[in-house]
């Protein structure tokens, strides 16, 4: 991960830019203040500790929103090597705004990058590269954690829905034990596709639809005999 260029929009600049694009991927970090970010014609709010990832060629423009101190730090990024394409697809496939759950660590990394660029000492590019790698790792971990939480919520929702549907079918079967019926008839009454219904029953009970229905009938018969 290489930093090709860095620019700082300082509070005294009264920053406002016209829409433009770059030949490199860009990271914009809001160090302080608030403003507006227009990306591909859509307005976004900018607040302290926000990080914007913009793919190369993306039209954008920034403007200060108030008279409070306002500072932006822009980095032009180039990725190289075996996993460059994966990194670009993960962070730069489309414009995105991230709000880190570790703002102090993110700020420390951007402070380190700026200090190294300003001091311009031997080996500063290696330090900047390592700081960028740490930045990507922190944000990658956060995104993966958020994705895992979303997946868990979706899984729990599907399980609840699946159990509800299975119970609905079971109730209908028990209410109609005096009739001889097929899976196709149950599916039609319950408004499911027969294939979906058999898959649902298999997932819930671990048995075939016919075996599951037989079990429901036998259990109800036992209850009636008691």
Protein backbone atom coordinates (compact mmCIF):
# COMPACT_ATOMS: atom_id res chain seq x y z
CA UNK A 1 0.00 0.00 0.00
CA UNK A 2 1.70 3.20 -1.16
CA UNK A 3 0.82 6.80 -0.43
CA UNK A 4 1.27 8.64 -3.73
CA UNK A 5 0.24 12.07 -2.50
CA UNK A 6 -1.01 13.77 0.65
CA UNK A 7 -2.79 17.08 1.11
CA UNK A 8 -4.16 18.80 4.21
CA UNK A 9 -7.05 21.27 4.05
CA UNK A 10 -6.39 23.41 7.12
CA UNK A 11 -8.95 25.52 9.04
CA UNK A 12 -7.67 28.81 7.60
CA UNK A 13 -8.16 27.54 4.05
CA UNK A 14 -11.98 27.98 4.23
CA UNK A 15 -12.04 24.86 2.10
CA UNK A 16 -14.38 24.50 -0.87
CA UNK A 17 -13.52 22.48 -3.97
CA UNK A 18 -15.21 22.11 -7.33
CA UNK A 19 -16.23 18.60 -8.46
CA UNK A 20 -13.17 16.67 -9.64
CA UNK A 21 -11.73 13.17 -9.93
CA UNK A 22 -8.33 11.50 -9.47
CA UNK A 23 -6.39 8.77 -11.20
CA UNK A 24 -5.73 7.13 -7.83
CA UNK A 25 -7.94 5.81 -5.05
CA UNK A 26 -8.47 8.45 -2.39
CA UNK A 27 -8.94 8.35 1.38
CA UNK A 28 -10.35 11.47 3.02
CA UNK A 29 -10.15 11.75 6.79
CA UNK A 30 -12.10 14.47 8.63
CA UNK A 31 -9.72 15.54 11.40
CA UNK A 32 -12.05 18.17 12.83
CA UNK A 33 -15.16 20.20 12.05
CA UNK A 34 -18.05 19.39 9.74
CA UNK A 35 -18.98 19.94 6.12
CA UNK A 36 -20.53 18.46 3.02
CA UNK A 37 -19.12 15.90 0.63
CA UNK A 38 -20.71 15.65 -2.80
CA UNK A 39 -19.92 12.26 -4.35
CA UNK A 40 -21.27 11.42 -7.80
CA UNK A 41 -23.98 14.06 -7.33
CA UNK A 42 -25.08 12.84 -3.88
CA UNK A 43 -24.52 14.98 -0.76
CA UNK A 44 -23.08 13.43 2.41
CA UNK A 45 -22.44 15.02 5.77
CA UNK A 46 -18.83 15.11 6.94
CA UNK A 47 -18.06 15.02 10.65
CA UNK A 48 -14.92 14.60 12.73
CA UNK A 49 -13.40 11.09 12.48
CA UNK A 50 -15.36 10.18 9.33
CA UNK A 51 -13.33 8.37 6.69
CA UNK A 52 -14.34 8.41 3.02
CA UNK A 53 -13.01 5.87 0.51
CA UNK A 54 -13.31 7.00 -3.10
CA UNK A 55 -12.35 4.85 -6.10
CA UNK A 56 -10.27 6.32 -8.88
CA UNK A 57 -12.29 8.34 -11.39
CA UNK A 58 -15.07 9.09 -8.88
CA UNK A 59 -16.38 12.68 -9.17
CA UNK A 60 -16.47 14.45 -5.81
CA UNK A 61 -16.14 17.81 -4.10
CA UNK A 62 -15.84 18.99 -0.49
CA UNK A 63 -17.04 22.13 1.24
CA UNK A 64 -16.96 23.54 4.75
CA UNK A 65 -20.38 23.86 6.32
CA UNK A 66 -19.81 26.27 9.20
CA UNK A 67 -17.27 28.68 10.64
CA UNK A 68 -15.89 26.19 13.11
CA UNK A 69 -12.38 24.81 12.69
CA UNK A 70 -12.39 22.36 9.81
CA UNK A 71 -9.56 20.11 8.68
CA UNK A 72 -9.41 17.38 6.06
CA UNK A 73 -6.55 15.05 5.22
CA UNK A 74 -6.43 13.54 1.75
CA UNK A 75 -4.35 10.50 0.77
CA UNK A 76 -3.93 9.19 -2.76
CA UNK A 77 -3.42 5.43 -2.48
CA UNK A 78 -1.91 2.87 -4.83
CA UNK A 79 -1.98 -0.86 -4.05
CA UNK A 80 0.47 -3.34 -5.52
CA UNK A 81 1.21 -7.03 -5.24
CA UNK A 82 -0.65 -10.30 -4.99
CA UNK A 83 -3.66 -9.02 -3.04
CA UNK A 84 -3.92 -5.53 -4.54
CA UNK A 85 -7.08 -6.36 -6.48
CA UNK A 86 -8.73 -7.91 -3.42
CA UNK A 87 -7.91 -4.83 -1.33
CA UNK A 88 -9.26 -2.47 -4.00
CA UNK A 89 -12.47 -4.48 -4.38
CA UNK A 90 -12.99 -4.55 -0.60
CA UNK A 91 -12.43 -0.85 0.11
CA UNK A 92 -12.65 0.97 -3.23
CA UNK A 93 -15.29 -0.87 -5.26
CA UNK A 94 -17.66 2.08 -4.67
CA UNK A 95 -17.66 5.31 -2.63
CA UNK A 96 -18.16 4.57 1.05
CA UNK A 97 -18.14 6.46 4.35
CA UNK A 98 -16.84 4.64 7.43
CA UNK A 99 -17.07 5.65 11.06
CA UNK A 100 -14.50 3.69 13.02
CA UNK A 101 -15.35 2.16 16.37
CA UNK A 102 -11.75 2.99 17.40
CA UNK A 103 -11.49 6.72 16.56
CA UNK A 104 -8.44 7.35 18.75
CA UNK A 105 -6.40 4.65 17.02
CA UNK A 106 -7.46 5.94 13.61
CA UNK A 107 -6.53 9.51 14.56
CA UNK A 108 -3.15 8.34 15.84
CA UNK A 109 -2.39 6.65 12.52
CA UNK A 110 -3.33 9.73 10.49
CA UNK A 111 -1.26 11.91 12.82
CA UNK A 112 1.69 9.56 12.31
CA UNK A 113 1.29 9.65 8.52
CA UNK A 114 1.13 13.46 8.46
CA UNK A 115 4.10 13.85 10.78
CA UNK A 116 6.23 11.52 8.67
CA UNK A 117 5.33 13.37 5.47
CA UNK A 118 6.08 16.76 7.06
CA UNK A 119 9.42 15.73 8.58
CA UNK A 120 10.46 13.94 5.37
CA UNK A 121 13.18 11.86 7.03
CA UNK A 122 14.92 8.84 5.54
CA UNK A 123 12.61 5.83 5.50
CA UNK A 124 9.45 7.90 6.00
CA UNK A 125 7.64 6.09 3.16
CA UNK A 126 8.11 2.75 4.94
CA UNK A 127 6.59 4.20 8.11
CA UNK A 128 3.67 5.63 6.12
CA UNK A 129 3.13 2.29 4.39
CA UNK A 130 3.04 0.45 7.71
CA UNK A 131 0.59 2.99 9.14
CA UNK A 132 -1.65 2.53 6.08
CA UNK A 133 -1.55 -1.24 6.49
CA UNK A 134 -2.57 -0.85 10.15
CA UNK A 135 -5.39 1.48 9.06
CA UNK A 136 -6.72 -1.04 6.54
CA UNK A 137 -6.49 -3.89 9.07
CA UNK A 138 -8.44 -1.97 11.73
CA UNK A 139 -11.19 -1.01 9.28
CA UNK A 140 -11.26 -4.51 7.76
CA UNK A 141 -11.74 -6.05 11.21
CA UNK A 142 -14.58 -3.64 11.93
CA UNK A 143 -16.35 -4.38 8.64
CA UNK A 144 -15.98 -8.14 9.11
CA UNK A 145 -17.39 -7.87 12.64
CA UNK A 146 -20.35 -5.83 11.37
CA UNK A 147 -20.94 -8.33 8.56
CA UNK A 148 -20.85 -11.20 11.07
CA UNK A 149 -23.39 -9.45 13.31
CA UNK A 150 -25.68 -8.78 10.33
CA UNK A 151 -25.40 -12.40 9.23
CA UNK A 152 -26.23 -13.61 12.74
CA UNK A 153 -29.29 -11.35 12.92
CA UNK A 154 -30.46 -12.57 9.51
CA UNK A 155 -29.90 -16.20 10.54
CA UNK A 156 -31.88 -15.75 13.75
CA UNK A 157 -34.66 -14.06 11.82
CA UNK A 158 -34.77 -16.93 9.31
CA UNK A 159 -34.83 -19.51 12.10
CA UNK A 160 -37.74 -17.76 13.83
CA UNK A 161 -39.63 -17.51 10.55
CA UNK A 162 -38.87 -21.14 9.68
CA UNK A 163 -40.09 -22.41 13.06
CA UNK A 164 -43.23 -20.27 12.78
CA UNK A 165 -44.05 -21.66 9.33
CA UNK A 166 -43.44 -25.24 10.48
CA UNK A 167 -45.75 -24.75 13.46
CA UNK A 168 -48.40 -23.34 11.16
CA UNK A 169 -48.26 -26.47 9.01
CA UNK A 170 -48.30 -28.73 12.07
CA UNK A 171 -51.39 -26.97 13.44
CA UNK A 172 -53.23 -27.45 10.16
CA UNK A 173 -52.30 -31.13 10.05
CA UNK A 174 -53.55 -31.71 13.60
CA UNK A 175 -56.78 -29.85 12.88
CA UNK A 176 -57.47 -32.05 9.86
CA UNK A 177 -56.47 -35.52 11.00
CA UNK A 178 -59.78 -37.00 9.90
CA UNK A 179 -58.88 -36.33 6.25
CA UNK A 180 -56.43 -38.14 4.05
CA UNK A 181 -54.19 -35.51 2.50
CA UNK A 182 -51.00 -35.24 0.51
CA UNK A 183 -48.07 -32.86 0.75
CA UNK A 184 -49.32 -31.08 -2.36
CA UNK A 185 -52.68 -30.45 -0.67
CA UNK A 186 -51.03 -29.16 2.51
CA UNK A 187 -48.78 -26.89 0.46
CA UNK A 188 -51.75 -25.51 -1.45
CA UNK A 189 -53.76 -24.80 1.70
CA UNK A 190 -50.77 -23.16 3.43
CA UNK A 191 -49.77 -21.27 0.27
CA UNK A 192 -46.32 -22.86 -0.07
CA UNK A 193 -44.64 -24.56 -2.98
CA UNK A 194 -44.57 -28.34 -2.30
CA UNK A 195 -40.80 -28.48 -2.75
CA UNK A 196 -40.30 -25.58 -0.33
CA UNK A 197 -42.63 -27.21 2.20
CA UNK A 198 -40.78 -30.55 2.13
CA UNK A 199 -37.44 -28.74 2.51
CA UNK A 200 -38.81 -26.72 5.42
CA UNK A 201 -40.06 -29.85 7.21
CA UNK A 202 -36.73 -31.58 6.64
CA UNK A 203 -34.83 -28.61 8.12
CA UNK A 204 -37.04 -28.39 11.20
CA UNK A 205 -37.52 -32.08 11.99
CA UNK A 206 -34.69 -33.87 10.23
CA UNK A 207 -37.29 -36.22 8.71
CA UNK A 208 -39.06 -36.55 5.40
CA UNK A 209 -42.40 -34.79 5.09
CA UNK A 210 -44.31 -38.09 5.12
CA UNK A 211 -42.50 -39.34 8.24
CA UNK A 212 -43.02 -36.00 9.98
CA UNK A 213 -46.77 -36.04 9.26
CA UNK A 214 -47.02 -39.64 10.49
CA UNK A 215 -45.25 -38.62 13.69
CA UNK A 216 -47.68 -35.72 14.20
CA UNK A 217 -50.61 -38.10 13.75
CA UNK A 218 -49.17 -40.72 16.13
CA UNK A 219 -48.41 -38.15 18.83
CA UNK A 220 -51.91 -36.74 18.60
CA UNK A 221 -53.36 -40.26 18.72
CA UNK A 222 -51.37 -40.97 21.91
CA UNK A 223 -52.71 -37.78 23.47
CA UNK A 224 -56.28 -38.72 22.58
CA UNK A 225 -55.84 -42.24 23.97
CA UNK A 226 -54.54 -40.80 27.25
